[in-house]
Protein backbone atom coordinates (compact mmCIF):
# COMPACT_ATOMS: atom_id res chain seq x y z
CA ALA A 1 11.10 -15.86 13.27
CA ALA A 2 11.97 -19.53 13.11
CA SER A 3 9.01 -20.64 15.14
CA ALA A 4 6.70 -18.09 13.44
CA GLU A 5 7.95 -20.06 9.87
CA VAL A 6 7.12 -23.18 11.32
CA ILE A 7 3.52 -22.17 12.53
CA ALA A 8 3.01 -20.98 9.29
CA ALA A 9 4.11 -24.22 7.18
CA VAL A 10 1.78 -26.26 9.73
CA HIS A 11 -1.06 -23.85 8.54
CA VAL A 12 -0.23 -24.60 5.07
CA PHE A 13 0.15 -28.28 5.38
CA GLY A 14 -3.07 -28.28 7.44
CA HIS A 15 -4.86 -26.83 4.16
CA TYR A 16 -3.26 -29.39 1.90
CA THR A 17 -4.08 -32.11 3.92
CA TRP A 18 -8.03 -30.99 3.99
CA LEU A 19 -7.74 -30.48 0.16
CA GLU A 20 -6.40 -33.93 -0.44
CA SER A 21 -8.81 -35.73 1.67
CA SER A 22 -11.68 -33.78 0.59
CA ALA A 23 -10.67 -34.55 -3.00
CA ALA A 24 -10.33 -38.36 -2.09
CA ALA A 25 -13.85 -38.42 -0.59
CA GLU A 26 -15.35 -36.04 -3.60
CA LEU A 27 -14.12 -38.95 -6.18
CA LYS A 28 -15.67 -42.02 -3.85
CA THR A 29 -19.27 -40.26 -3.64
CA ARG A 30 -19.22 -38.24 -7.42
CA ALA A 31 -22.81 -37.12 -8.16
CA THR A 32 -23.72 -37.06 -11.74
CA ALA A 33 -26.60 -34.77 -12.19
CA ASP A 34 -26.28 -31.71 -13.76
CA ALA A 35 -26.83 -28.41 -12.04
CA PRO A 36 -29.50 -26.20 -13.36
CA ALA A 37 -28.73 -24.04 -16.48
CA GLN A 38 -30.43 -21.20 -14.74
CA ILE A 39 -31.46 -21.07 -11.12
CA THR A 40 -35.11 -20.22 -10.73
CA GLN A 41 -35.85 -20.43 -7.28
CA GLY A 42 -32.68 -19.73 -5.20
CA LEU A 43 -29.87 -21.21 -3.35
CA SER A 44 -30.75 -22.30 0.21
CA LEU A 45 -28.93 -23.35 3.63
CA ASP A 46 -31.34 -25.44 5.87
CA GLY A 47 -29.76 -25.49 9.28
CA CYS A 48 -26.22 -26.27 8.30
CA THR A 49 -23.82 -27.06 10.71
CA VAL A 50 -20.25 -27.35 9.98
CA ARG A 51 -17.91 -29.15 12.56
CA TYR A 52 -14.38 -29.50 11.19
CA PRO A 53 -12.43 -32.72 12.14
CA GLY A 54 -10.86 -32.62 15.33
CA ALA A 55 -12.51 -29.27 16.30
CA ASP A 56 -14.34 -28.50 19.66
CA LYS A 57 -16.61 -26.22 18.43
CA ASP A 58 -18.77 -25.49 15.54
CA ALA A 59 -17.63 -23.56 12.25
CA LEU A 60 -21.00 -22.77 11.59
CA ALA A 61 -24.13 -23.90 13.87
CA ASP A 62 -27.49 -24.10 12.46
CA VAL A 63 -27.66 -21.63 9.48
CA SER A 64 -30.52 -21.16 7.19
CA VAL A 65 -30.65 -18.54 4.51
CA HIS A 66 -32.14 -18.38 1.09
CA ILE A 67 -30.70 -16.52 -1.60
CA ARG A 68 -32.78 -15.62 -4.62
CA PRO A 69 -31.64 -15.53 -7.96
CA GLY A 70 -29.90 -12.57 -8.91
CA SER A 71 -29.21 -11.55 -5.74
CA ARG A 72 -25.60 -9.95 -4.62
CA VAL A 73 -24.26 -10.86 -1.48
CA ALA A 74 -21.58 -9.69 0.75
CA ILE A 75 -20.66 -11.88 3.86
CA VAL A 76 -19.03 -9.55 6.54
CA GLY A 77 -17.75 -10.76 10.01
CA LEU A 78 -14.94 -10.50 12.29
CA ASN A 79 -12.20 -13.19 11.53
CA GLY A 80 -13.25 -16.20 12.64
CA ALA A 81 -16.76 -15.85 12.59
CA GLY A 82 -17.52 -18.54 9.71
CA LYS A 83 -17.45 -16.83 6.42
CA THR A 84 -15.15 -18.57 4.63
CA THR A 85 -16.82 -21.99 5.85
CA PHE A 86 -20.11 -20.51 4.73
CA ALA A 87 -18.52 -19.72 1.03
CA ARG A 88 -17.13 -23.11 0.85
CA LEU A 89 -20.66 -24.63 1.66
CA ILE A 90 -22.10 -22.42 -1.29
CA LEU A 91 -19.44 -23.34 -3.50
CA GLY A 92 -19.81 -26.90 -3.02
CA LEU A 93 -16.16 -27.21 -1.41
CA ILE A 94 -17.31 -28.70 1.72
CA GLU A 95 -20.76 -30.95 2.71
CA PRO A 96 -22.41 -29.64 6.26
CA SER A 97 -22.00 -31.70 9.18
CA SER A 98 -25.81 -31.85 9.32
CA GLY A 99 -28.71 -29.82 7.26
CA ARG A 100 -28.42 -29.29 3.79
CA VAL A 101 -27.31 -26.94 0.89
CA THR A 102 -29.98 -26.82 -2.31
CA ILE A 103 -30.03 -25.46 -5.53
CA ASP A 104 -33.63 -24.98 -6.67
CA GLY A 105 -34.54 -27.60 -4.04
CA VAL A 106 -32.07 -30.17 -5.13
CA SER A 107 -29.61 -30.96 -2.75
CA LEU A 108 -25.83 -29.93 -3.84
CA CYS A 109 -24.64 -33.59 -2.91
CA ASP A 110 -27.08 -34.99 -5.58
CA LEU A 111 -25.46 -32.42 -8.30
CA SER A 112 -22.30 -33.47 -10.40
CA PRO A 113 -19.76 -31.19 -8.60
CA GLU A 114 -17.99 -30.12 -12.09
CA SER A 115 -21.51 -28.69 -13.38
CA TYR A 116 -22.33 -27.03 -10.45
CA ARG A 117 -18.67 -25.06 -9.93
CA GLU A 118 -18.88 -24.18 -13.85
CA GLY A 119 -21.39 -21.52 -12.62
CA VAL A 120 -19.95 -20.20 -9.51
CA ALA A 121 -17.27 -17.93 -8.52
CA ALA A 122 -16.07 -16.30 -5.18
CA THR A 123 -13.60 -13.35 -4.07
CA VAL A 124 -12.21 -13.97 -0.98
CA GLN A 125 -10.37 -11.39 1.04
CA SER A 126 -7.02 -12.04 3.19
CA PHE A 127 -7.33 -10.84 6.77
CA ALA A 128 -5.16 -8.35 7.95
CA ARG A 129 -5.48 -5.98 10.91
CA LEU A 130 -3.90 -2.88 10.13
CA GLU A 131 -1.99 -0.86 12.91
CA PHE A 132 -2.49 2.30 11.00
CA SER A 133 -4.37 5.59 12.14
CA ALA A 134 -7.99 5.84 10.89
CA GLN A 135 -6.74 8.12 7.79
CA HIS A 136 -4.64 5.37 6.80
CA SER A 137 -6.77 2.38 7.55
CA VAL A 138 -9.45 3.54 5.16
CA GLY A 139 -6.98 5.12 2.77
CA VAL A 140 -4.97 2.30 2.13
CA GLY A 141 -7.85 1.50 -0.20
CA SER A 142 -6.62 4.22 -2.71
CA LEU A 143 -2.60 4.44 -2.13
CA PRO A 144 -2.87 7.60 -4.47
CA SER A 145 -4.92 9.04 -2.38
CA LEU A 146 -3.90 7.82 1.31
CA ASP A 147 -3.59 11.19 2.81
CA SER A 148 -6.21 12.95 1.25
CA GLU A 149 -8.85 13.87 4.04
CA SER A 150 -11.42 14.74 1.35
CA VAL A 151 -10.85 10.89 -0.42
CA VAL A 152 -11.28 9.39 3.04
CA TRP A 153 -14.16 10.98 4.34
CA ALA A 154 -15.92 10.38 0.81
CA ALA A 155 -15.14 6.65 1.01
CA ALA A 156 -16.36 6.58 4.82
CA GLU A 157 -19.88 8.16 3.53
CA ARG A 158 -20.03 5.53 0.52
CA GLY A 159 -19.60 3.03 2.90
CA GLN A 160 -21.64 3.93 5.47
CA ALA A 161 -18.82 4.45 8.01
CA LYS A 162 -18.78 8.09 8.39
CA ALA A 163 -20.19 7.72 11.78
CA VAL A 164 -17.94 5.22 13.15
CA LEU A 165 -15.32 7.83 11.87
CA GLU A 166 -16.67 10.79 13.51
CA GLY A 167 -17.01 8.64 16.59
CA LEU A 168 -13.43 8.00 17.27
CA PRO A 169 -11.62 10.25 19.91
CA ASN A 170 -9.55 11.80 17.45
CA ARG A 171 -11.40 11.35 14.07
CA LEU A 172 -8.92 10.56 11.40
CA ASP A 173 -6.14 10.66 13.48
CA THR A 174 -7.12 7.97 15.69
């Protein structure tokens, strides 16, 4: 247990040192242009690659995407797929190793971080691999209905996952 605590502490300290160095770098290169009050063209990532210092592979590689104003976007994928890195890019918390992030064609590097961040928000999800039955893995989203098969099937239907549950060897008991 002690080694797990040490590993967790090192992990947290890594985040702290990253934040500290990012803040220091930002203060040196602070842009002053204001972000647009209303986005008209959208947000774009153009050939963005991110490799964190000391890493031997890219966290994101050559990602290009255009998000139109008013769009709702969910970023999903396996643990380690680059979702958090993608979010950090569009929030302006990190810069790509190559490529660029733009708002209405203007690079985030040219915008005042304060003015840009006033208009953005993110909701992040902590990773957890549940060692539960399919019933409880879905039902945990509504604890009062944890054991209700009808509620779980309805949630799977809404989440377009009913076919996944139906394909399990023991369905909800898997």
